[in-house]
Amino acid sequence: MTMHTPISTPETGQEAVFTEFRRRIREAEVLCTGMQKLLLALNFSGKVSVVVQNGRILKSGYEEGYFRQK
C-alpha cells in the first residue's frame, strides 16, 4: 500500500482569513486609504496603536513625535 502525502492542503475558511490577516500585518496594510491620506496630509510622525478584543476595537490612540526626524 502506497501512502501519498499531500503537498498542500486547502485551508479552512478560518485559516484562510488568518493567513490574509497575517499578510496584511506583514505588508503594513492595516490602515484604510482615507486614514493614510490624513496622516500624509498632516505629515504625521508618531505611533498609532489599536487594541482589539474579540474582533472589536477596544481602544485606540496615538503618540506624536514618536519617530522624530533631526
N, C-alpha and C. Protein backbone atom coordinates (compact mmCIF):
# COMPACT_ATOMS: atom_id res chain seq x y z
N MET A 1 0.85 -1.18 0.00
CA MET A 1 0.00 0.00 0.00
C MET A 1 0.89 1.24 0.00
N THR A 2 0.66 2.13 -0.91
CA THR A 2 1.44 3.36 -1.04
C THR A 2 0.68 4.50 -0.39
N MET A 3 1.38 5.23 0.47
CA MET A 3 0.75 6.40 1.11
C MET A 3 1.21 7.65 0.39
N HIS A 4 0.27 8.48 0.07
CA HIS A 4 0.58 9.75 -0.59
C HIS A 4 0.45 10.87 0.42
N THR A 5 1.48 11.67 0.55
CA THR A 5 1.44 12.83 1.42
C THR A 5 1.07 14.04 0.58
N PRO A 6 -0.01 14.70 0.92
CA PRO A 6 -0.39 15.89 0.12
C PRO A 6 0.67 16.98 0.24
N ILE A 7 0.97 17.59 -0.88
CA ILE A 7 1.95 18.68 -0.89
C ILE A 7 1.35 19.91 -0.20
N SER A 8 0.11 20.21 -0.50
CA SER A 8 -0.56 21.31 0.18
C SER A 8 -2.02 20.92 0.37
N THR A 9 -2.56 21.32 1.48
CA THR A 9 -3.96 21.03 1.76
C THR A 9 -4.74 22.34 1.68
N PRO A 10 -5.96 22.27 1.20
CA PRO A 10 -6.75 23.50 1.15
C PRO A 10 -7.03 24.01 2.56
N GLU A 11 -6.96 25.31 2.72
CA GLU A 11 -7.18 25.91 4.03
C GLU A 11 -8.67 25.95 4.35
N THR A 12 -8.98 25.83 5.61
CA THR A 12 -10.37 26.04 6.02
C THR A 12 -10.65 27.53 5.93
N GLY A 13 -11.91 27.90 6.04
CA GLY A 13 -12.27 29.32 5.96
C GLY A 13 -11.54 30.16 6.99
N GLN A 14 -11.47 29.68 8.24
CA GLN A 14 -10.82 30.45 9.30
C GLN A 14 -9.32 30.53 9.06
N GLU A 15 -8.70 29.46 8.58
CA GLU A 15 -7.26 29.50 8.30
C GLU A 15 -6.96 30.49 7.18
N ALA A 16 -7.81 30.53 6.16
CA ALA A 16 -7.62 31.47 5.05
C ALA A 16 -7.73 32.91 5.53
N VAL A 17 -8.69 33.17 6.41
CA VAL A 17 -8.87 34.53 6.95
C VAL A 17 -7.65 34.92 7.78
N PHE A 18 -7.15 33.99 8.62
CA PHE A 18 -5.98 34.30 9.44
C PHE A 18 -4.74 34.50 8.58
N THR A 19 -4.61 33.73 7.51
CA THR A 19 -3.49 33.90 6.59
C THR A 19 -3.52 35.29 5.97
N GLU A 20 -4.71 35.73 5.56
CA GLU A 20 -4.85 37.08 4.99
C GLU A 20 -4.56 38.15 6.04
N PHE A 21 -5.01 37.94 7.27
CA PHE A 21 -4.72 38.86 8.37
C PHE A 21 -3.22 39.01 8.56
N ARG A 22 -2.49 37.89 8.61
CA ARG A 22 -1.03 37.93 8.78
C ARG A 22 -0.36 38.64 7.62
N ARG A 23 -0.84 38.39 6.39
CA ARG A 23 -0.25 39.03 5.21
C ARG A 23 -0.42 40.55 5.29
N ARG A 24 -1.61 40.99 5.69
CA ARG A 24 -1.85 42.44 5.76
C ARG A 24 -1.02 43.09 6.85
N ILE A 25 -0.85 42.44 7.98
CA ILE A 25 0.01 42.97 9.04
C ILE A 25 1.45 43.06 8.52
N ARG A 26 1.93 41.99 7.90
CA ARG A 26 3.30 41.95 7.38
C ARG A 26 3.53 43.03 6.34
N GLU A 27 2.54 43.28 5.48
CA GLU A 27 2.67 44.27 4.41
C GLU A 27 2.27 45.68 4.86
N ALA A 28 1.98 45.86 6.13
CA ALA A 28 1.58 47.14 6.72
C ALA A 28 0.31 47.69 6.09
N GLU A 29 -0.62 46.81 5.75
CA GLU A 29 -1.91 47.21 5.19
C GLU A 29 -2.96 47.22 6.29
N VAL A 30 -2.69 47.93 7.36
CA VAL A 30 -3.60 47.91 8.50
C VAL A 30 -4.47 49.16 8.60
N LEU A 31 -4.19 50.17 7.80
CA LEU A 31 -4.99 51.39 7.82
C LEU A 31 -5.70 51.55 6.49
N CYS A 32 -6.94 52.04 6.54
CA CYS A 32 -7.67 52.31 5.31
C CYS A 32 -6.98 53.45 4.56
N THR A 33 -7.27 53.54 3.30
CA THR A 33 -6.65 54.56 2.45
C THR A 33 -6.95 55.96 2.96
N GLY A 34 -8.18 56.19 3.44
CA GLY A 34 -8.54 57.51 3.96
C GLY A 34 -7.68 57.93 5.13
N MET A 35 -7.41 57.01 6.04
CA MET A 35 -6.58 57.32 7.20
C MET A 35 -5.14 57.58 6.77
N GLN A 36 -4.64 56.80 5.82
CA GLN A 36 -3.28 57.02 5.32
C GLN A 36 -3.17 58.39 4.68
N LYS A 37 -4.20 58.82 3.96
CA LYS A 37 -4.18 60.16 3.34
C LYS A 37 -4.17 61.26 4.40
N LEU A 38 -4.94 61.08 5.49
CA LEU A 38 -4.93 62.06 6.57
C LEU A 38 -3.56 62.15 7.22
N LEU A 39 -2.95 61.01 7.48
CA LEU A 39 -1.61 61.01 8.10
C LEU A 39 -0.60 61.71 7.21
N LEU A 40 -0.70 61.47 5.90
CA LEU A 40 0.21 62.11 4.95
C LEU A 40 -0.05 63.62 4.90
N ALA A 41 -1.32 64.03 4.87
CA ALA A 41 -1.66 65.46 4.82
C ALA A 41 -1.17 66.19 6.07
N LEU A 42 -1.19 65.52 7.21
CA LEU A 42 -0.72 66.11 8.46
C LEU A 42 0.80 66.01 8.62
N ASN A 43 1.44 65.26 7.72
CA ASN A 43 2.86 64.95 7.84
C ASN A 43 3.12 64.35 9.22
N PHE A 44 2.20 63.46 9.64
CA PHE A 44 2.24 62.86 10.97
C PHE A 44 3.45 61.96 11.12
N SER A 45 4.16 62.16 12.20
CA SER A 45 5.25 61.27 12.59
C SER A 45 4.95 60.86 14.02
N GLY A 46 4.69 59.61 14.21
CA GLY A 46 4.34 59.16 15.54
C GLY A 46 3.95 57.70 15.53
N LYS A 47 3.32 57.31 16.60
CA LYS A 47 2.92 55.92 16.80
C LYS A 47 1.41 55.87 16.92
N VAL A 48 0.76 55.03 16.11
CA VAL A 48 -0.68 54.81 16.19
C VAL A 48 -0.87 53.40 16.72
N SER A 49 -1.71 53.26 17.75
CA SER A 49 -1.93 51.93 18.33
C SER A 49 -3.42 51.61 18.38
N VAL A 50 -3.72 50.34 18.22
CA VAL A 50 -5.10 49.86 18.26
C VAL A 50 -5.11 48.59 19.10
N VAL A 51 -6.01 48.53 20.07
CA VAL A 51 -6.17 47.34 20.90
C VAL A 51 -7.48 46.68 20.49
N VAL A 52 -7.41 45.39 20.13
CA VAL A 52 -8.57 44.64 19.66
C VAL A 52 -8.86 43.51 20.63
N GLN A 53 -10.14 43.35 20.97
CA GLN A 53 -10.55 42.25 21.82
C GLN A 53 -11.79 41.61 21.21
N ASN A 54 -11.73 40.31 21.00
CA ASN A 54 -12.85 39.56 20.41
C ASN A 54 -13.31 40.16 19.08
N GLY A 55 -12.35 40.60 18.27
CA GLY A 55 -12.66 41.12 16.95
C GLY A 55 -13.17 42.55 16.91
N ARG A 56 -13.26 43.20 18.04
CA ARG A 56 -13.74 44.59 18.09
C ARG A 56 -12.64 45.51 18.63
N ILE A 57 -12.62 46.73 18.11
CA ILE A 57 -11.64 47.71 18.59
C ILE A 57 -12.03 48.12 19.99
N LEU A 58 -11.13 47.88 20.93
CA LEU A 58 -11.37 48.20 22.32
C LEU A 58 -10.87 49.61 22.65
N LYS A 59 -9.72 49.96 22.07
CA LYS A 59 -9.10 51.24 22.38
C LYS A 59 -8.15 51.60 21.24
N SER A 60 -8.00 52.87 20.98
CA SER A 60 -7.01 53.33 20.00
C SER A 60 -6.40 54.62 20.52
N GLY A 61 -5.22 54.92 20.02
CA GLY A 61 -4.55 56.14 20.46
C GLY A 61 -3.36 56.45 19.58
N TYR A 62 -2.70 57.54 19.89
CA TYR A 62 -1.51 57.93 19.14
C TYR A 62 -0.55 58.68 20.02
N GLU A 63 0.71 58.65 19.62
CA GLU A 63 1.77 59.42 20.28
C GLU A 63 2.49 60.21 19.20
N GLU A 64 2.41 61.52 19.27
CA GLU A 64 3.08 62.35 18.27
C GLU A 64 4.58 62.39 18.53
N GLY A 65 5.33 62.54 17.47
CA GLY A 65 6.76 62.69 17.58
C GLY A 65 7.49 61.45 18.06
N TYR A 66 6.86 60.30 17.94
CA TYR A 66 7.49 59.05 18.38
C TYR A 66 8.76 58.79 17.58
N PHE A 67 8.69 59.09 16.27
CA PHE A 67 9.86 58.96 15.41
C PHE A 67 10.22 60.36 14.94
N ARG A 68 10.95 61.08 15.73
CA ARG A 68 11.27 62.47 15.42
C ARG A 68 12.49 62.54 14.51
N GLN A 69 12.34 63.24 13.38
CA GLN A 69 13.46 63.40 12.46
C GLN A 69 14.30 64.60 12.90
N LYS A 70 15.63 64.45 12.80
CA LYS A 70 16.52 65.54 13.20
C LYS A 70 17.22 66.11 12.01
